[in-house]
Amino acid sequence: MEIREKNLITSFLKNGGSLIYSAKDLDSRHPKIQLSSFGNNYLRVMNPFMPMWWSFCMPGAGHIMIGKIAKGFLLFIWEMVINNQAHINLSIVYSMTGKFQQAKDCLDLQWFFVYIGVYIFNVWDSYRLSTDVNQFSMLAVRERTPIRSFNLSLIEINYLQKINVWISVFWSLVTPGLGHLMIRNFIHGFYLMAWHIVCIYQSKLAEAVYFTVTGEFQQAIHVMNYQWTLFLPSIYCFAVCDCYYRTIEINQLFKIEQARYLKEKYATNRTGFLNELG
């Protein structure tokens, strides 16, 4: 019998039939979830084509979705910097409106060839990593890894809780990042909010909306910066999609943790349960 299993049995007997995990027990080979003061990260099974698609739409987004936060954030920054240097979004706008010569003239070829290699790697790597994470997630399920459901620190409280999916989606639609803040994923939330603010300011979208509402359509077209505007649909849609699936997964982990706790505390110790009822 493994040492970890012996420790769990000892803990079970000492606590009157209720299984209480120690910090050592929670340090599993394939932990299912990690809670901290600033967010959570977990293993989950997903279709590899989903992060691959988001990496295609917005480099870094696919990595963020599968939990590779550091790499995702860096690729996100890389996309913002190199795309703006190459004027790729502006070239796309001109191409979609039939202005092919302007699309060709505005594109910076030197920066474009720097961009294309990393872009392709980003799409391929998100697919590869997704298949790896799927395998680790299935191992965590088979090993019945203890799920940590509560984290208390001097500056924050983080915990698993059942949340209405559509409320988190609604706040993500209002402002990208708010839905992530609602599910206590602060790093993702503030990161998406920061880029949303930058894109809104640089694109002059608020001014364009104002001129559109007042009927000054030519002024709205003139004031808008299309290079920055084209980032916004990807940021909005990714924030909504990621928040939706994260909320579903958190709800599922909450149910699993609650079921395990109740089973270990009461189902295996019916006498103790009846005594507690009086």
Protein backbone atom coordinates (compact mmCIF):
# COMPACT_ATOMS: atom_id res chain seq x y z
CA MET A 1 0.00 0.00 0.00
CA GLU A 2 1.33 3.46 -0.86
CA ILE A 3 2.32 5.92 1.87
CA ARG A 4 -0.32 8.41 0.76
CA GLU A 5 -3.08 5.80 1.08
CA LYS A 6 -1.85 4.85 4.57
CA ASN A 7 -1.92 8.51 5.62
CA LEU A 8 -5.49 8.88 4.35
CA ILE A 9 -6.63 5.76 6.24
CA THR A 10 -4.92 6.98 9.42
CA SER A 11 -6.62 10.37 9.04
CA PHE A 12 -9.95 8.61 8.44
CA LEU A 13 -9.68 6.57 11.65
CA LYS A 14 -8.45 9.44 13.82
CA ASN A 15 -11.31 11.70 12.83
CA GLY A 16 -14.12 9.31 13.70
CA GLY A 17 -14.70 8.07 10.18
CA SER A 18 -14.58 11.48 8.47
CA LEU A 19 -11.79 11.94 5.97
CA ILE A 20 -9.88 15.21 6.42
CA TYR A 21 -7.16 15.99 3.91
CA SER A 22 -3.87 17.48 5.01
CA ALA A 23 -1.73 19.84 2.94
CA LYS A 24 0.51 16.88 2.09
CA ASP A 25 -2.50 14.90 0.82
CA LEU A 26 -3.50 17.77 -1.43
CA ASP A 27 -0.06 17.77 -3.09
CA SER A 28 -1.12 15.12 -5.59
CA ARG A 29 0.64 13.90 -8.69
CA HIS A 30 -2.03 15.39 -10.95
CA PRO A 31 -3.92 18.06 -8.96
CA LYS A 32 -7.32 18.85 -10.43
CA ILE A 33 -7.47 22.49 -9.31
CA GLN A 34 -5.22 25.12 -7.75
CA LEU A 35 -6.77 27.96 -5.76
CA SER A 36 -4.88 31.12 -4.87
CA SER A 37 -5.72 34.62 -3.70
CA PHE A 38 -5.72 35.93 -7.26
CA GLY A 39 -7.55 33.20 -9.16
CA ASN A 40 -7.74 29.53 -9.94
CA ASN A 41 -6.37 27.17 -12.53
CA TYR A 42 -7.49 23.63 -13.20
CA LEU A 43 -7.28 20.65 -15.51
CA ARG A 44 -10.27 20.04 -17.77
CA VAL A 45 -11.07 18.03 -20.87
CA MET A 46 -11.97 20.09 -23.93
CA ASN A 47 -12.12 19.73 -27.68
CA PRO A 48 -8.57 20.60 -28.90
CA PHE A 49 -10.05 22.49 -31.83
CA MET A 50 -11.57 25.07 -29.50
CA PRO A 51 -8.28 26.54 -28.17
CA MET A 52 -6.86 26.07 -31.66
CA TRP A 53 -9.68 28.25 -33.06
CA TRP A 54 -9.16 30.97 -30.45
CA SER A 55 -5.42 30.97 -31.13
CA PHE A 56 -6.31 31.49 -34.78
CA CYS A 57 -8.57 34.44 -33.88
CA MET A 58 -6.33 35.98 -31.21
CA PRO A 59 -2.83 34.61 -30.52
CA GLY A 60 -2.50 33.72 -26.85
CA ALA A 61 -6.24 33.26 -26.27
CA GLY A 62 -6.09 29.49 -26.82
CA HIS A 63 -3.24 29.10 -24.32
CA ILE A 64 -5.14 31.15 -21.73
CA MET A 65 -8.19 28.91 -22.23
CA ILE A 66 -6.29 25.69 -21.49
CA GLY A 67 -4.53 27.16 -18.44
CA LYS A 68 -1.13 28.13 -19.90
CA ILE A 69 -1.52 31.64 -18.51
CA ALA A 70 2.04 32.98 -18.72
CA LYS A 71 2.58 31.85 -22.32
CA GLY A 72 -0.89 33.07 -23.28
CA PHE A 73 -0.36 36.54 -21.82
CA LEU A 74 2.99 36.90 -23.58
CA LEU A 75 1.55 35.80 -26.94
CA PHE A 76 -1.33 38.23 -26.38
CA ILE A 77 1.14 41.10 -25.93
CA TRP A 78 3.16 39.88 -28.93
CA GLU A 79 0.00 39.98 -31.07
CA MET A 80 -0.79 43.55 -30.04
CA VAL A 81 2.74 44.82 -30.69
CA ILE A 82 3.66 43.01 -33.92
CA ASN A 83 0.19 43.25 -35.48
CA ASN A 84 0.23 47.01 -35.00
CA GLN A 85 3.73 47.30 -36.41
CA ALA A 86 2.78 45.28 -39.51
CA HIS A 87 -0.68 46.96 -39.86
CA ILE A 88 -2.24 43.54 -40.41
CA ASN A 89 -5.70 44.48 -39.12
CA LEU A 90 -5.81 47.56 -41.34
CA SER A 91 -4.81 45.47 -44.33
CA ILE A 92 -7.63 43.02 -43.52
CA VAL A 93 -10.16 45.88 -43.40
CA TYR A 94 -9.05 47.19 -46.79
CA SER A 95 -9.12 43.67 -48.27
CA MET A 96 -12.65 43.01 -46.99
CA THR A 97 -13.87 46.31 -48.49
CA GLY A 98 -12.32 45.64 -51.89
CA LYS A 99 -9.45 48.16 -51.56
CA PHE A 100 -6.75 45.67 -52.44
CA GLN A 101 -4.09 48.19 -53.47
CA GLN A 102 -4.44 50.08 -50.19
CA ALA A 103 -4.26 46.77 -48.34
CA LYS A 104 -1.00 45.99 -50.10
CA ASP A 105 0.47 49.45 -49.57
CA CYS A 106 -0.27 49.68 -45.83
CA LEU A 107 1.22 46.27 -44.97
CA ASP A 108 4.76 46.35 -43.57
CA LEU A 109 6.33 43.22 -45.09
CA GLN A 110 9.29 43.06 -42.70
CA TRP A 111 7.08 42.96 -39.62
CA PHE A 112 4.59 40.68 -41.41
CA PHE A 113 7.19 37.95 -41.95
CA VAL A 114 8.22 38.28 -38.30
CA TYR A 115 4.55 37.84 -37.41
CA ILE A 116 3.58 34.86 -39.55
CA GLY A 117 5.99 32.25 -38.11
CA VAL A 118 5.02 32.84 -34.47
CA TYR A 119 1.35 33.03 -35.47
CA ILE A 120 1.44 29.53 -37.02
CA PHE A 121 3.38 28.15 -34.03
CA ASN A 122 0.80 29.67 -31.67
CA VAL A 123 -2.06 27.83 -33.42
CA TRP A 124 -0.21 24.49 -33.55
CA ASP A 125 1.08 24.74 -29.97
CA SER A 126 -2.37 25.40 -28.51
CA TYR A 127 -3.68 22.21 -30.16
CA ARG A 128 -0.71 20.17 -28.93
CA LEU A 129 -0.95 21.47 -25.36
CA SER A 130 -4.69 20.90 -25.28
CA THR A 131 -4.24 17.18 -25.99
CA ASP A 132 -1.64 16.99 -23.18
CA VAL A 133 -3.91 18.75 -20.69
CA ASN A 134 -6.78 16.43 -21.64
CA GLN A 135 -4.64 13.42 -20.72
CA PHE A 136 -3.57 14.96 -17.39
CA SER A 137 -7.19 15.81 -16.61
CA MET A 138 -8.32 12.22 -17.18
CA LEU A 139 -5.48 10.98 -14.96
CA ALA A 140 -6.60 13.36 -12.20
CA VAL A 141 -10.13 11.97 -12.45
CA ARG A 142 -8.95 8.35 -12.29
CA GLU A 143 -6.69 9.11 -9.32
CA ARG A 144 -9.63 10.80 -7.53
CA THR A 145 -7.40 13.72 -6.68
CA PRO A 146 -8.63 15.72 -3.67
CA ILE A 147 -10.27 18.99 -4.74
CA ARG A 148 -9.30 22.06 -2.77
CA SER A 149 -12.41 24.22 -2.40
CA PHE A 150 -11.39 27.10 -0.15
CA ASN A 151 -8.42 29.46 0.11
CA LEU A 152 -8.10 32.13 2.79
CA SER A 153 -5.24 34.65 2.82
CA LEU A 154 -4.55 38.03 4.36
CA ILE A 155 -5.77 39.89 1.28
CA GLU A 156 -8.43 37.74 -0.37
CA ILE A 157 -10.89 34.85 -0.03
CA ASN A 158 -11.27 32.41 -2.92
CA TYR A 159 -13.59 29.43 -2.98
CA LEU A 160 -15.65 27.13 -5.16
CA GLN A 161 -19.31 28.07 -5.45
CA LYS A 162 -22.18 27.30 -7.78
CA ILE A 163 -22.70 30.31 -10.07
CA ASN A 164 -25.36 31.11 -12.64
CA VAL A 165 -23.60 30.76 -15.99
CA TRP A 166 -25.66 33.41 -17.77
CA ILE A 167 -24.97 36.08 -15.14
CA SER A 168 -21.21 35.71 -15.67
CA VAL A 169 -21.77 35.77 -19.45
CA PHE A 170 -23.86 38.94 -19.12
CA TRP A 171 -21.10 40.79 -17.27
CA SER A 172 -18.54 39.62 -19.81
CA LEU A 173 -20.73 41.16 -22.52
CA VAL A 174 -20.92 44.44 -20.59
CA THR A 175 -17.14 44.64 -20.23
CA PRO A 176 -14.65 41.85 -21.00
CA GLY A 177 -13.13 40.69 -17.72
CA LEU A 178 -16.06 41.43 -15.41
CA GLY A 179 -17.37 37.88 -15.74
CA HIS A 180 -13.95 36.53 -14.75
CA LEU A 181 -13.91 38.83 -11.71
CA MET A 182 -17.32 37.45 -10.74
CA ILE A 183 -16.00 33.88 -10.71
CA ARG A 184 -12.99 35.14 -8.69
CA ASN A 185 -10.45 34.76 -11.49
CA PHE A 186 -8.82 38.11 -10.88
CA ILE A 187 -5.71 37.78 -13.05
CA HIS A 188 -7.72 36.94 -16.17
CA GLY A 189 -10.33 39.57 -15.37
CA PHE A 190 -8.02 42.54 -14.90
CA TYR A 191 -5.84 41.48 -17.84
CA LEU A 192 -8.81 41.39 -20.24
CA MET A 193 -10.20 44.64 -18.81
CA ALA A 194 -6.85 46.38 -19.30
CA TRP A 195 -6.61 45.38 -22.97
CA HIS A 196 -10.26 46.26 -23.51
CA ILE A 197 -9.63 49.78 -22.20
CA VAL A 198 -6.52 50.17 -24.36
CA CYS A 199 -8.35 49.03 -27.51
CA ILE A 200 -11.41 51.21 -26.83
CA TYR A 201 -9.21 54.27 -26.32
CA GLN A 202 -6.90 53.68 -29.28
CA SER A 203 -9.71 52.75 -31.67
CA LYS A 204 -11.74 55.91 -30.84
CA LEU A 205 -14.78 53.64 -30.85
CA ALA A 206 -16.65 55.68 -28.22
CA GLU A 207 -16.32 58.82 -30.35
CA ALA A 208 -17.41 56.94 -33.46
CA VAL A 209 -20.51 55.65 -31.64
CA TYR A 210 -21.33 59.19 -30.51
CA PHE A 211 -21.05 60.60 -34.05
CA THR A 212 -23.14 57.69 -35.38
CA VAL A 213 -25.92 58.34 -32.86
CA THR A 214 -25.96 62.04 -33.77
CA GLY A 215 -26.14 61.23 -37.49
CA GLU A 216 -22.62 62.40 -38.41
CA PHE A 217 -21.68 59.21 -40.23
CA GLN A 218 -18.78 60.58 -42.25
CA GLN A 219 -17.20 61.98 -39.08
CA ALA A 220 -17.65 58.59 -37.40
CA ILE A 221 -15.87 56.83 -40.29
CA HIS A 222 -13.10 59.42 -40.27
CA VAL A 223 -12.38 59.32 -36.53
CA MET A 224 -12.28 55.52 -36.07
CA ASN A 225 -8.93 53.74 -36.00
CA TYR A 226 -9.64 50.42 -37.74
CA GLN A 227 -6.29 48.90 -36.82
CA TRP A 228 -7.25 48.89 -33.12
CA THR A 229 -10.98 48.37 -33.67
CA LEU A 230 -10.47 44.93 -35.20
CA PHE A 231 -9.05 43.63 -31.90
CA LEU A 232 -12.31 44.27 -30.06
CA PRO A 233 -14.52 41.48 -31.53
CA SER A 234 -11.90 38.87 -30.63
CA ILE A 235 -11.48 40.20 -27.09
CA TYR A 236 -15.24 40.40 -26.48
CA CYS A 237 -16.07 36.98 -27.92
CA PHE A 238 -13.14 35.27 -26.21
CA ALA A 239 -14.01 36.81 -22.83
CA VAL A 240 -17.60 35.55 -23.13
CA CYS A 241 -16.64 32.06 -24.33
CA ASP A 242 -13.86 31.55 -21.78
CA CYS A 243 -16.00 32.83 -18.90
CA TYR A 244 -18.89 30.58 -19.95
CA TYR A 245 -16.84 27.38 -19.95
CA ARG A 246 -14.90 28.34 -16.80
CA THR A 247 -18.15 28.89 -14.93
CA ILE A 248 -19.48 25.50 -16.04
CA GLU A 249 -16.26 23.78 -14.95
CA ILE A 250 -16.22 25.54 -11.56
CA ASN A 251 -19.83 24.47 -10.97
CA GLN A 252 -18.91 20.90 -11.84
CA LEU A 253 -15.89 20.89 -9.50
CA PHE A 254 -18.07 22.33 -6.73
CA LYS A 255 -20.58 19.49 -7.14
CA ILE A 256 -17.86 16.84 -7.15
CA GLU A 257 -16.18 18.27 -4.04
CA GLN A 258 -19.48 18.53 -2.17
CA ALA A 259 -20.49 14.98 -3.12
CA ARG A 260 -17.15 13.56 -2.01
CA TYR A 261 -17.23 15.45 1.27
CA LEU A 262 -20.77 14.37 2.16
CA LYS A 263 -20.06 10.77 1.19
CA GLU A 264 -16.84 10.61 3.23
CA LYS A 265 -18.33 12.35 6.26
CA TYR A 266 -21.75 10.73 6.46
CA ALA A 267 -22.21 7.75 4.15
CA THR A 268 -19.23 5.89 5.63
CA ASN A 269 -20.17 6.73 9.23
CA ARG A 270 -23.91 6.34 9.64
CA THR A 271 -23.65 5.94 13.40
CA GLY A 272 -21.85 9.26 13.76
CA PHE A 273 -24.37 10.89 11.47
CA LEU A 274 -27.31 9.63 13.60
CA ASN A 275 -25.57 10.83 16.75
CA GLU A 276 -25.18 14.31 15.27
CA LEU A 277 -28.90 14.35 14.47
CA GLY A 278 -29.59 13.61 18.11
